[in-house]
């Protein structure tokens, strides 16, 4: 499972700080499905920003705070495409020995 799918899915309902995204992933045990490190989380965020799927939203009241991430329309569309590809190519199986 791609961490990008989780990021885009979470951002469909709210804007989050990257640390909040990681916290939600860990609290829901999604790290059992995909590896979650600061490195791969921020790499996925950078890639999604480069693809114009998400943007960073600066907090005006807090000077040195890291920005929150917000989903753009392209990101919402991209999320739906990634969902479809993920679930239609059979890569959703938790057991790699099971063929679809």
C-alpha atoms as a PDB file:
ATOM      1  CA  UNK A   1       0.000   0.000   0.000  1.00  0.00           C
ATOM      2  CA  UNK A   2       1.280   3.434  -0.836  1.00  0.00           C
ATOM      3  CA  UNK A   3       1.620   5.976   1.917  1.00  0.00           C
ATOM      4  CA  UNK A   4       0.416   8.527  -0.643  1.00  0.00           C
ATOM      5  CA  UNK A   5      -3.022   6.909  -0.672  1.00  0.00           C
ATOM      6  CA  UNK A   6      -3.288   7.312   3.092  1.00  0.00           C
ATOM      7  CA  UNK A   7      -2.091  10.924   2.986  1.00  0.00           C
ATOM      8  CA  UNK A   8      -4.560  11.854   0.238  1.00  0.00           C
ATOM      9  CA  UNK A   9      -7.372   9.979   1.960  1.00  0.00           C
ATOM     10  CA  UNK A  10      -6.799  11.759   5.262  1.00  0.00           C
ATOM     11  CA  UNK A  11      -6.604  15.132   3.566  1.00  0.00           C
ATOM     12  CA  UNK A  12     -10.009  14.605   1.957  1.00  0.00           C
ATOM     13  CA  UNK A  13     -11.639  15.387   5.309  1.00  0.00           C
ATOM     14  CA  UNK A  14      -9.236  17.845   6.948  1.00  0.00           C
ATOM     15  CA  UNK A  15      -5.908  19.666   6.689  1.00  0.00           C
ATOM     16  CA  UNK A  16      -3.164  18.110   8.788  1.00  0.00           C
ATOM     17  CA  UNK A  17       0.362  18.740   9.924  1.00  0.00           C
ATOM     18  CA  UNK A  18       2.736  15.934   8.831  1.00  0.00           C
ATOM     19  CA  UNK A  19       3.239  14.912  12.473  1.00  0.00           C
ATOM     20  CA  UNK A  20      -0.537  14.547  12.852  1.00  0.00           C
ATOM     21  CA  UNK A  21      -0.659  12.347   9.760  1.00  0.00           C
ATOM     22  CA  UNK A  22       2.026  10.094  11.200  1.00  0.00           C
ATOM     23  CA  UNK A  23       0.227   9.978  14.555  1.00  0.00           C
ATOM     24  CA  UNK A  24      -3.062   8.942  12.896  1.00  0.00           C
ATOM     25  CA  UNK A  25      -1.287   6.238  10.885  1.00  0.00           C
ATOM     26  CA  UNK A  26       0.341   4.823  14.018  1.00  0.00           C
ATOM     27  CA  UNK A  27      -2.809   5.074  16.163  1.00  0.00           C
ATOM     28  CA  UNK A  28      -4.775   3.094  13.571  1.00  0.00           C
ATOM     29  CA  UNK A  29      -1.992   0.506  13.155  1.00  0.00           C
ATOM     30  CA  UNK A  30      -1.721   1.293   9.454  1.00  0.00           C
ATOM     31  CA  UNK A  31       2.030   1.052   9.921  1.00  0.00           C
ATOM     32  CA  UNK A  32       1.438  -2.730   9.826  1.00  0.00           C
ATOM     33  CA  UNK A  33       0.461  -2.312   6.161  1.00  0.00           C
ATOM     34  CA  UNK A  34       3.078   0.208   5.102  1.00  0.00           C
ATOM     35  CA  UNK A  35       6.355   1.314   6.636  1.00  0.00           C
ATOM     36  CA  UNK A  36       6.050   4.736   8.236  1.00  0.00           C
ATOM     37  CA  UNK A  37       9.134   6.784   8.931  1.00  0.00           C
ATOM     38  CA  UNK A  38       9.666  10.518   8.913  1.00  0.00           C
ATOM     39  CA  UNK A  39      11.740  10.015   5.771  1.00  0.00           C
ATOM     40  CA  UNK A  40       9.159   8.204   3.674  1.00  0.00           C
ATOM     41  CA  UNK A  41       6.329  10.394   4.993  1.00  0.00           C
ATOM     42  CA  UNK A  42       8.087  13.616   3.990  1.00  0.00           C
ATOM     43  CA  UNK A  43       9.228  12.080   0.696  1.00  0.00           C
ATOM     44  CA  UNK A  44       5.598  11.233  -0.143  1.00  0.00           C
ATOM     45  CA  UNK A  45       4.496  14.746   0.847  1.00  0.00           C
ATOM     46  CA  UNK A  46       7.191  16.329  -1.353  1.00  0.00           C
ATOM     47  CA  UNK A  47       6.160  14.112  -4.268  1.00  0.00           C
ATOM     48  CA  UNK A  48       2.471  14.994  -3.861  1.00  0.00           C
ATOM     49  CA  UNK A  49       3.369  18.717  -3.700  1.00  0.00           C
ATOM     50  CA  UNK A  50       5.436  18.355  -6.867  1.00  0.00           C
ATOM     51  CA  UNK A  51       2.441  16.693  -8.583  1.00  0.00           C
ATOM     52  CA  UNK A  52       0.265  19.665  -7.445  1.00  0.00           C
ATOM     53  CA  UNK A  53      -1.982  17.359  -5.423  1.00  0.00           C
ATOM     54  CA  UNK A  54      -1.428  19.149  -2.109  1.00  0.00           C
ATOM     55  CA  UNK A  55      -0.201  22.501  -0.879  1.00  0.00           C
ATOM     56  CA  UNK A  56       1.256  23.735   2.372  1.00  0.00           C
ATOM     57  CA  UNK A  57      -0.824  26.234   4.300  1.00  0.00           C
ATOM     58  CA  UNK A  58       1.180  28.481   6.610  1.00  0.00           C
ATOM     59  CA  UNK A  59      -0.167  29.352  10.021  1.00  0.00           C
ATOM     60  CA  UNK A  60      -0.174  33.121  10.295  1.00  0.00           C
ATOM     61  CA  UNK A  61      -0.301  33.326  14.082  1.00  0.00           C
ATOM     62  CA  UNK A  62       2.637  31.035  14.755  1.00  0.00           C
ATOM     63  CA  UNK A  63       5.821  32.368  13.191  1.00  0.00           C
ATOM     64  CA  UNK A  64       8.054  29.280  13.089  1.00  0.00           C
ATOM     65  CA  UNK A  65       5.433  26.555  12.955  1.00  0.00           C
ATOM     66  CA  UNK A  66       5.576  24.049  10.139  1.00  0.00           C
ATOM     67  CA  UNK A  67       2.729  24.423   7.659  1.00  0.00           C
ATOM     68  CA  UNK A  68      -0.330  22.244   7.485  1.00  0.00           C
ATOM     69  CA  UNK A  69      -1.036  20.326   4.303  1.00  0.00           C
ATOM     70  CA  UNK A  70      -4.206  20.870   2.303  1.00  0.00           C
ATOM     71  CA  UNK A  71      -5.660  18.731  -0.491  1.00  0.00           C
ATOM     72  CA  UNK A  72      -6.158  20.336  -3.899  1.00  0.00           C
ATOM     73  CA  UNK A  73      -8.737  19.262  -6.492  1.00  0.00           C
ATOM     74  CA  UNK A  74      -6.033  17.498  -8.510  1.00  0.00           C
ATOM     75  CA  UNK A  75      -5.059  15.630  -5.339  1.00  0.00           C
ATOM     76  CA  UNK A  76      -8.641  14.524  -4.782  1.00  0.00           C
ATOM     77  CA  UNK A  77      -8.856  13.230  -8.349  1.00  0.00           C
ATOM     78  CA  UNK A  78      -5.410  11.624  -8.032  1.00  0.00           C
ATOM     79  CA  UNK A  79      -6.510   9.945  -4.804  1.00  0.00           C
ATOM     80  CA  UNK A  80      -9.478   8.320  -6.517  1.00  0.00           C
ATOM     81  CA  UNK A  81      -7.244   7.097  -9.358  1.00  0.00           C
ATOM     82  CA  UNK A  82      -4.718   5.662  -6.881  1.00  0.00           C
ATOM     83  CA  UNK A  83      -7.526   3.901  -4.988  1.00  0.00           C
ATOM     84  CA  UNK A  84      -8.804   2.314  -8.179  1.00  0.00           C
ATOM     85  CA  UNK A  85      -5.339   1.194  -9.313  1.00  0.00           C
ATOM     86  CA  UNK A  86      -4.517  -0.167  -5.891  1.00  0.00           C
ATOM     87  CA  UNK A  87      -7.680  -2.199  -5.473  1.00  0.00           C
ATOM     88  CA  UNK A  88      -8.043  -3.375  -9.071  1.00  0.00           C
ATOM     89  CA  UNK A  89      -4.512  -4.683  -9.552  1.00  0.00           C
ATOM     90  CA  UNK A  90      -4.754  -6.997  -6.538  1.00  0.00           C
ATOM     91  CA  UNK A  91      -1.993  -5.336  -4.515  1.00  0.00           C
ATOM     92  CA  UNK A  92      -4.352  -4.852  -1.575  1.00  0.00           C
ATOM     93  CA  UNK A  93      -3.753  -8.361  -0.220  1.00  0.00           C
ATOM     94  CA  UNK A  94      -2.078  -8.536   3.188  1.00  0.00           C
ATOM     95  CA  UNK A  95      -0.853 -12.020   2.315  1.00  0.00           C
ATOM     96  CA  UNK A  96       1.473 -11.922  -0.718  1.00  0.00           C
ATOM     97  CA  UNK A  97       1.007 -15.662  -1.277  1.00  0.00           C
ATOM     98  CA  UNK A  98      -2.667 -15.076  -2.188  1.00  0.00           C
ATOM     99  CA  UNK A  99      -3.086 -14.435  -5.883  1.00  0.00           C
ATOM    100  CA  UNK A 100      -6.067 -12.420  -7.149  1.00  0.00           C
END
